Structure formats: C-alpha cells, structure tokens
C-alpha atoms as a PDB file:
ATOM      1  CA  MET A   1       0.000   0.000   0.000  1.00  0.00           C
ATOM      2  CA  LYS A   2       1.083   3.563  -0.746  1.00  0.00           C
ATOM      3  CA  GLN A   3      -0.061   6.660   1.082  1.00  0.00           C
ATOM      4  CA  ASN A   4      -0.531   9.667  -1.223  1.00  0.00           C
ATOM      5  CA  ASN A   5      -1.415  13.284  -0.607  1.00  0.00           C
ATOM      6  CA  ILE A   6      -3.078  15.885  -2.768  1.00  0.00           C
ATOM      7  CA  SER A   7      -2.497  19.559  -2.044  1.00  0.00           C
ATOM      8  CA  PHE A   8      -2.455  22.902  -3.799  1.00  0.00           C
ATOM      9  CA  SER A   9      -1.474  26.428  -2.935  1.00  0.00           C
ATOM     10  CA  PHE A  10      -3.308  29.680  -3.442  1.00  0.00           C
ATOM     11  CA  LYS A  11      -2.700  33.371  -2.953  1.00  0.00           C
ATOM     12  CA  GLU A  12      -4.694  35.293  -0.387  1.00  0.00           C
ATOM     13  CA  PHE A  13      -5.238  39.055  -0.314  1.00  0.00           C
ATOM     14  CA  ASP A  14      -6.874  41.221   2.351  1.00  0.00           C
ATOM     15  CA  LYS A  15      -8.592  43.621  -0.028  1.00  0.00           C
ATOM     16  CA  ALA A  16      -9.437  44.094  -3.700  1.00  0.00           C
ATOM     17  CA  GLU A  17      -7.072  47.086  -3.922  1.00  0.00           C
ATOM     18  CA  ASP A  18      -4.176  44.624  -3.575  1.00  0.00           C
ATOM     19  CA  LEU A  19      -5.154  42.835  -6.811  1.00  0.00           C
ATOM     20  CA  ASP A  20      -3.894  43.816 -10.250  1.00  0.00           C
ATOM     21  CA  ALA A  21      -6.236  45.938 -12.370  1.00  0.00           C
ATOM     22  CA  GLU A  22      -7.621  43.049 -14.474  1.00  0.00           C
ATOM     23  CA  ASP A  23      -8.443  40.940 -11.408  1.00  0.00           C
ATOM     24  CA  ARG A  24     -10.068  43.943  -9.674  1.00  0.00           C
ATOM     25  CA  GLU A  25     -12.188  44.545 -12.768  1.00  0.00           C
ATOM     26  CA  LEU A  26     -13.248  40.893 -12.972  1.00  0.00           C
ATOM     27  CA  LEU A  27     -14.099  40.708  -9.264  1.00  0.00           C
ATOM     28  CA  ALA A  28     -16.105  43.941  -9.502  1.00  0.00           C
ATOM     29  CA  ALA A  29     -18.079  42.443 -12.409  1.00  0.00           C
ATOM     30  CA  ALA A  30     -18.839  39.335 -10.324  1.00  0.00           C
ATOM     31  CA  GLN A  31     -19.947  41.492  -7.390  1.00  0.00           C
ATOM     32  CA  LYS A  32     -22.164  43.562  -9.676  1.00  0.00           C
ATOM     33  CA  ALA A  33     -23.690  40.384 -11.147  1.00  0.00           C
ATOM     34  CA  THR A  34     -24.975  39.375  -7.690  1.00  0.00           C
ATOM     35  CA  ALA A  35     -27.622  42.100  -8.090  1.00  0.00           C
ATOM     36  CA  ASN A  36     -29.159  40.147 -10.999  1.00  0.00           C
ATOM     37  CA  SER A  37     -29.605  36.942  -8.998  1.00  0.00           C
ATOM     38  CA  TYR A  38     -33.009  35.328  -8.699  1.00  0.00           C
ATOM     39  CA  SER A  39     -32.674  33.693  -5.286  1.00  0.00           C
ATOM     40  CA  PRO A  40     -36.001  34.049  -3.432  1.00  0.00           C
ATOM     41  CA  TYR A  41     -35.637  30.694  -1.640  1.00  0.00           C
ATOM     42  CA  SER A  42     -32.110  30.877  -0.254  1.00  0.00           C
ATOM     43  CA  GLY A  43     -31.605  34.645  -0.183  1.00  0.00           C
ATOM     44  CA  PHE A  44     -28.023  33.848  -1.259  1.00  0.00           C
ATOM     45  CA  SER A  45     -27.051  35.743  -4.410  1.00  0.00           C
ATOM     46  CA  VAL A  46     -23.989  34.622  -6.356  1.00  0.00           C
ATOM     47  CA  GLY A  47     -22.348  36.390  -9.266  1.00  0.00           C
ATOM     48  CA  ALA A  48     -19.650  35.088 -11.580  1.00  0.00           C
ATOM     49  CA  ALA A  49     -17.574  36.916 -14.166  1.00  0.00           C
ATOM     50  CA  LEU A  50     -15.566  35.054 -16.776  1.00  0.00           C
ATOM     51  CA  ARG A  51     -12.728  36.728 -18.663  1.00  0.00           C
ATOM     52  CA  LEU A  52     -12.144  35.342 -22.143  1.00  0.00           C
ATOM     53  CA  GLU A  53      -8.857  35.370 -24.079  1.00  0.00           C
ATOM     54  CA  SER A  54     -10.090  38.367 -26.090  1.00  0.00           C
ATOM     55  CA  GLY A  55     -10.469  40.341 -22.845  1.00  0.00           C
ATOM     56  CA  ARG A  56     -14.265  40.227 -23.056  1.00  0.00           C
ATOM     57  CA  ILE A  57     -16.030  39.657 -19.723  1.00  0.00           C
ATOM     58  CA  VAL A  58     -19.233  37.623 -19.565  1.00  0.00           C
ATOM     59  CA  THR A  59     -21.242  37.250 -16.394  1.00  0.00           C
ATOM     60  CA  GLY A  60     -23.689  34.862 -14.851  1.00  0.00           C
ATOM     61  CA  THR A  61     -25.765  34.715 -11.715  1.00  0.00           C
ATOM     62  CA  ASN A  62     -27.581  32.019  -9.810  1.00  0.00           C
ATOM     63  CA  VAL A  63     -31.199  31.425 -10.801  1.00  0.00           C
ATOM     64  CA  GLU A  64     -33.247  29.396  -8.312  1.00  0.00           C
ATOM     65  CA  ASN A  65     -36.434  27.498  -9.027  1.00  0.00           C
ATOM     66  CA  ALA A  66     -39.226  26.247  -6.765  1.00  0.00           C
ATOM     67  CA  ALA A  67     -38.740  22.831  -8.403  1.00  0.00           C
ATOM     68  CA  PHE A  68     -35.342  22.326  -6.815  1.00  0.00           C
ATOM     69  CA  PRO A  69     -32.788  21.408  -8.288  1.00  0.00           C
ATOM     70  CA  SER A  70     -33.950  23.020 -11.520  1.00  0.00           C
ATOM     71  CA  GLY A  71     -31.942  26.194 -10.902  1.00  0.00           C
ATOM     72  CA  ILE A  72     -28.462  27.003 -12.141  1.00  0.00           C
ATOM     73  CA  CYS A  73     -25.374  28.324 -10.399  1.00  0.00           C
ATOM     74  CA  ALA A  74     -23.693  31.575 -11.395  1.00  0.00           C
ATOM     75  CA  GLU A  75     -20.488  29.859 -12.518  1.00  0.00           C
ATOM     76  CA  ARG A  76     -22.258  27.441 -14.869  1.00  0.00           C
ATOM     77  CA  ASN A  77     -24.444  30.277 -16.110  1.00  0.00           C
ATOM     78  CA  ALA A  78     -21.366  32.376 -17.022  1.00  0.00           C
ATOM     79  CA  ILE A  79     -19.621  29.441 -18.709  1.00  0.00           C
ATOM     80  CA  SER A  80     -22.769  28.538 -20.662  1.00  0.00           C
ATOM     81  CA  ASN A  81     -23.068  32.179 -21.721  1.00  0.00           C
ATOM     82  CA  ALA A  82     -19.485  32.171 -23.025  1.00  0.00           C
ATOM     83  CA  VAL A  83     -19.790  28.826 -24.833  1.00  0.00           C
ATOM     84  CA  SER A  84     -23.110  29.819 -26.427  1.00  0.00           C
ATOM     85  CA  ASN A  85     -22.310  33.379 -27.409  1.00  0.00           C
ATOM     86  CA  HIS A  86     -18.520  33.460 -27.835  1.00  0.00           C
ATOM     87  CA  PRO A  87     -17.435  30.085 -29.209  1.00  0.00           C
ATOM     88  CA  GLY A  88     -13.694  29.770 -29.646  1.00  0.00           C
ATOM     89  CA  ASP A  89     -12.954  32.605 -27.206  1.00  0.00           C
ATOM     90  CA  LYS A  90     -11.404  30.551 -24.413  1.00  0.00           C
ATOM     91  CA  PRO A  91     -11.966  31.389 -20.732  1.00  0.00           C
ATOM     92  CA  VAL A  92      -8.847  32.391 -18.812  1.00  0.00           C
ATOM     93  CA  ALA A  93     -10.138  33.618 -15.429  1.00  0.00           C
ATOM     94  CA  LEU A  94     -13.306  33.286 -13.368  1.00  0.00           C
ATOM     95  CA  ALA A  95     -14.253  35.525 -10.429  1.00  0.00           C
ATOM     96  CA  ILE A  96     -16.981  34.543  -7.963  1.00  0.00           C
ATOM     97  CA  ALA A  97     -18.685  36.733  -5.353  1.00  0.00           C
ATOM     98  CA  ALA A  98     -21.697  36.219  -3.093  1.00  0.00           C
ATOM     99  CA  PHE A  99     -24.199  38.534  -1.422  1.00  0.00           C
ATOM    100  CA  SER A 100     -26.219  37.485   1.603  1.00  0.00           C
ATOM    101  CA  GLY A 101     -28.463  39.549   3.838  1.00  0.00           C
ATOM    102  CA  SER A 102     -27.361  43.125   3.320  1.00  0.00           C
ATOM    103  CA  SER A 103     -23.772  42.786   2.117  1.00  0.00           C
ATOM    104  CA  HIS A 104     -21.268  40.745   0.198  1.00  0.00           C
ATOM    105  CA  THR A 105     -19.995  37.787   2.194  1.00  0.00           C
ATOM    106  CA  SER A 106     -16.854  38.440   4.217  1.00  0.00           C
ATOM    107  CA  GLU A 107     -15.434  35.000   3.405  1.00  0.00           C
ATOM    108  CA  PRO A 108     -14.839  33.936  -0.202  1.00  0.00           C
ATOM    109  CA  VAL A 109     -17.341  31.397  -1.546  1.00  0.00           C
ATOM    110  CA  ALA A 110     -15.986  28.450  -3.547  1.00  0.00           C
ATOM    111  CA  PRO A 111     -17.856  26.785  -6.418  1.00  0.00           C
ATOM    112  CA  CYS A 112     -20.052  23.772  -5.691  1.00  0.00           C
ATOM    113  CA  GLY A 113     -19.079  20.314  -6.931  1.00  0.00           C
ATOM    114  CA  ASN A 114     -21.156  20.573 -10.118  1.00  0.00           C
ATOM    115  CA  CYS A 115     -19.513  23.869 -11.008  1.00  0.00           C
ATOM    116  CA  ARG A 116     -16.050  22.497 -10.258  1.00  0.00           C
ATOM    117  CA  GLN A 117     -16.741  19.686 -12.720  1.00  0.00           C
ATOM    118  CA  VAL A 118     -17.909  22.149 -15.403  1.00  0.00           C
ATOM    119  CA  ILE A 119     -14.833  24.363 -14.858  1.00  0.00           C
ATOM    120  CA  ALA A 120     -12.570  21.306 -15.129  1.00  0.00           C
ATOM    121  CA  GLU A 121     -14.296  20.241 -18.357  1.00  0.00           C
ATOM    122  CA  GLU A 122     -13.738  23.714 -19.836  1.00  0.00           C
ATOM    123  CA  GLU A 123     -10.054  23.525 -18.946  1.00  0.00           C
ATOM    124  CA  ASN A 124      -9.757  20.064 -20.504  1.00  0.00           C
ATOM    125  CA  ARG A 125     -11.816  20.980 -23.566  1.00  0.00           C
ATOM    126  CA  ASN A 126      -9.778  24.104 -24.289  1.00  0.00           C
ATOM    127  CA  GLY A 127      -6.370  22.838 -23.150  1.00  0.00           C
ATOM    128  CA  ILE A 128      -5.909  25.794 -20.803  1.00  0.00           C
ATOM    129  CA  SER A 129      -6.022  26.665 -17.110  1.00  0.00           C
ATOM    130  CA  ILE A 130      -8.713  28.967 -15.749  1.00  0.00           C
ATOM    131  CA  ARG A 131      -7.570  31.149 -12.827  1.00  0.00           C
ATOM    132  CA  ILE A 132     -10.180  31.251 -10.069  1.00  0.00           C
ATOM    133  CA  ILE A 133     -10.704  34.429  -8.026  1.00  0.00           C
ATOM    134  CA  LEU A 134     -12.853  33.908  -4.938  1.00  0.00           C
ATOM    135  CA  GLY A 135     -13.925  37.275  -3.555  1.00  0.00           C
ATOM    136  CA  GLY A 136     -15.024  38.077  -0.032  1.00  0.00           C
ATOM    137  CA  SER A 137     -15.023  41.463   1.675  1.00  0.00           C
ATOM    138  CA  SER A 138     -12.401  40.401   4.254  1.00  0.00           C
ATOM    139  CA  LYS A 139     -10.208  38.272   1.969  1.00  0.00           C
ATOM    140  CA  ILE A 140      -9.734  37.240  -1.618  1.00  0.00           C
ATOM    141  CA  ARG A 141      -8.240  33.952  -2.757  1.00  0.00           C
ATOM    142  CA  ILE A 142      -6.670  33.318  -6.157  1.00  0.00           C
ATOM    143  CA  ILE A 143      -6.261  29.726  -7.270  1.00  0.00           C
ATOM    144  CA  GLY A 144      -4.005  29.074 -10.259  1.00  0.00           C
ATOM    145  CA  LYS A 145      -6.326  26.661 -12.047  1.00  0.00           C
ATOM    146  CA  GLY A 146      -9.773  25.177 -11.650  1.00  0.00           C
ATOM    147  CA  ALA A 147      -8.376  21.635 -11.685  1.00  0.00           C
ATOM    148  CA  ASP A 148      -6.858  22.354  -8.251  1.00  0.00           C
ATOM    149  CA  LEU A 149     -10.405  22.519  -6.873  1.00  0.00           C
ATOM    150  CA  LEU A 150     -11.253  19.086  -8.258  1.00  0.00           C
ATOM    151  CA  PRO A 151      -8.426  16.594  -7.836  1.00  0.00           C
ATOM    152  CA  LEU A 152      -8.953  13.087  -9.229  1.00  0.00           C
ATOM    153  CA  GLN A 153     -11.557  14.503 -11.573  1.00  0.00           C
ATOM    154  CA  PHE A 154     -13.841  12.544 -13.844  1.00  0.00           C
ATOM    155  CA  ASN A 155     -13.133  13.484 -17.463  1.00  0.00           C
ATOM    156  CA  SER A 156     -13.013  12.134 -21.007  1.00  0.00           C
ATOM    157  CA  GLU A 157     -10.046   9.948 -20.056  1.00  0.00           C
ATOM    158  CA  SER A 158     -12.300   8.303 -17.479  1.00  0.00           C
ATOM    159  CA  LEU A 159     -14.647   7.365 -20.300  1.00  0.00           C
ATOM    160  CA  ARG A 160     -11.739   6.451 -22.571  1.00  0.00           C
ATOM    161  CA  ILE A 161     -13.207   8.520 -25.376  1.00  0.00           C
ATOM    162  CA  THR A 162     -12.185  11.704 -27.099  1.00  0.00           C
ATOM    163  CA  PRO A 163     -14.762  14.520 -26.970  1.00  0.00           C
ATOM    164  CA  ARG A 164     -15.871  15.980 -30.290  1.00  0.00           C
END
C-alpha cells in the first residue's frame, strides 16, 4: 500500500485594492452580477464573471427554481453564456462573489461540486487553465487553475473517449 497526498497552494489578499487591475475589474463584475440573482428561496445571491482570451467579460448569476434542483449556479451560467455566445474565445479567469443579507460575504465562496466539474471540463476541452478568483469582503483567494479545486476529476479519459 502507498499513502498519497493531494495539495495545492493559493494566494490570499486582504482587499481588492491589492489585486492587479484586471483581477479587480473581474471581481467587480462578479460582485455587480450578484444584483441580478433570482434567489427568493435561499436569499443567497452569487455572481460570476468570466474573462475570455479576447479580454471580453461575460457574467452569470444564480437562478433558483421552486422545483429544486432546476436552478443554475452563477459559474455554470457564465460558462454557458461564453460557450453559447462566444465560441472559440477561451476562458482564462473566473471571479466569484456572493451577497447574503445586506452585504457581500466576508469570506470567499468556492464553487459547488457541479460547477467544479464544469470548470474542469472547460479547462480540458480548451487545453488551458482557468484562474479562479474567490472574492469576499475580508479576503480574496486566487487559485491558479480550476483543476486544483477538483483533484482526481472525472473526465473524457475516465470514459476512454475523445470529446468531439
């Protein structure tokens, strides 16, 4: 038997002003997108902003549904937006922010398991890494690639097929 470990590192900042201009812009777009959330059941609004290789920013927000789990997360909404409306323009960075009660959350919010899988698929499909920026009002975390959030991922190699 072998004992193995999986770990990754990330950068942590105390405030958005410490980020470079592009990351500040992307995080601000994610924060702004929280205002478009339809979250009457949880009261938890999430916004995501995806920067594409061209520099274009597309956003998404969570949309809840009384017939749970028929809603969609902000991250998957942003990625679907990019794939549908900007094919071939690969995603390079994704910022996520959440709003609860009367303010943005102080702690950064990480993507759910479904979203992690979708982010990993986009990285695999496009042969690139997507930087993840998790924004909270008291700290911001930057993770070098989405695959770090989903070790031992299920992908096309798991199926032993090549995606079209």
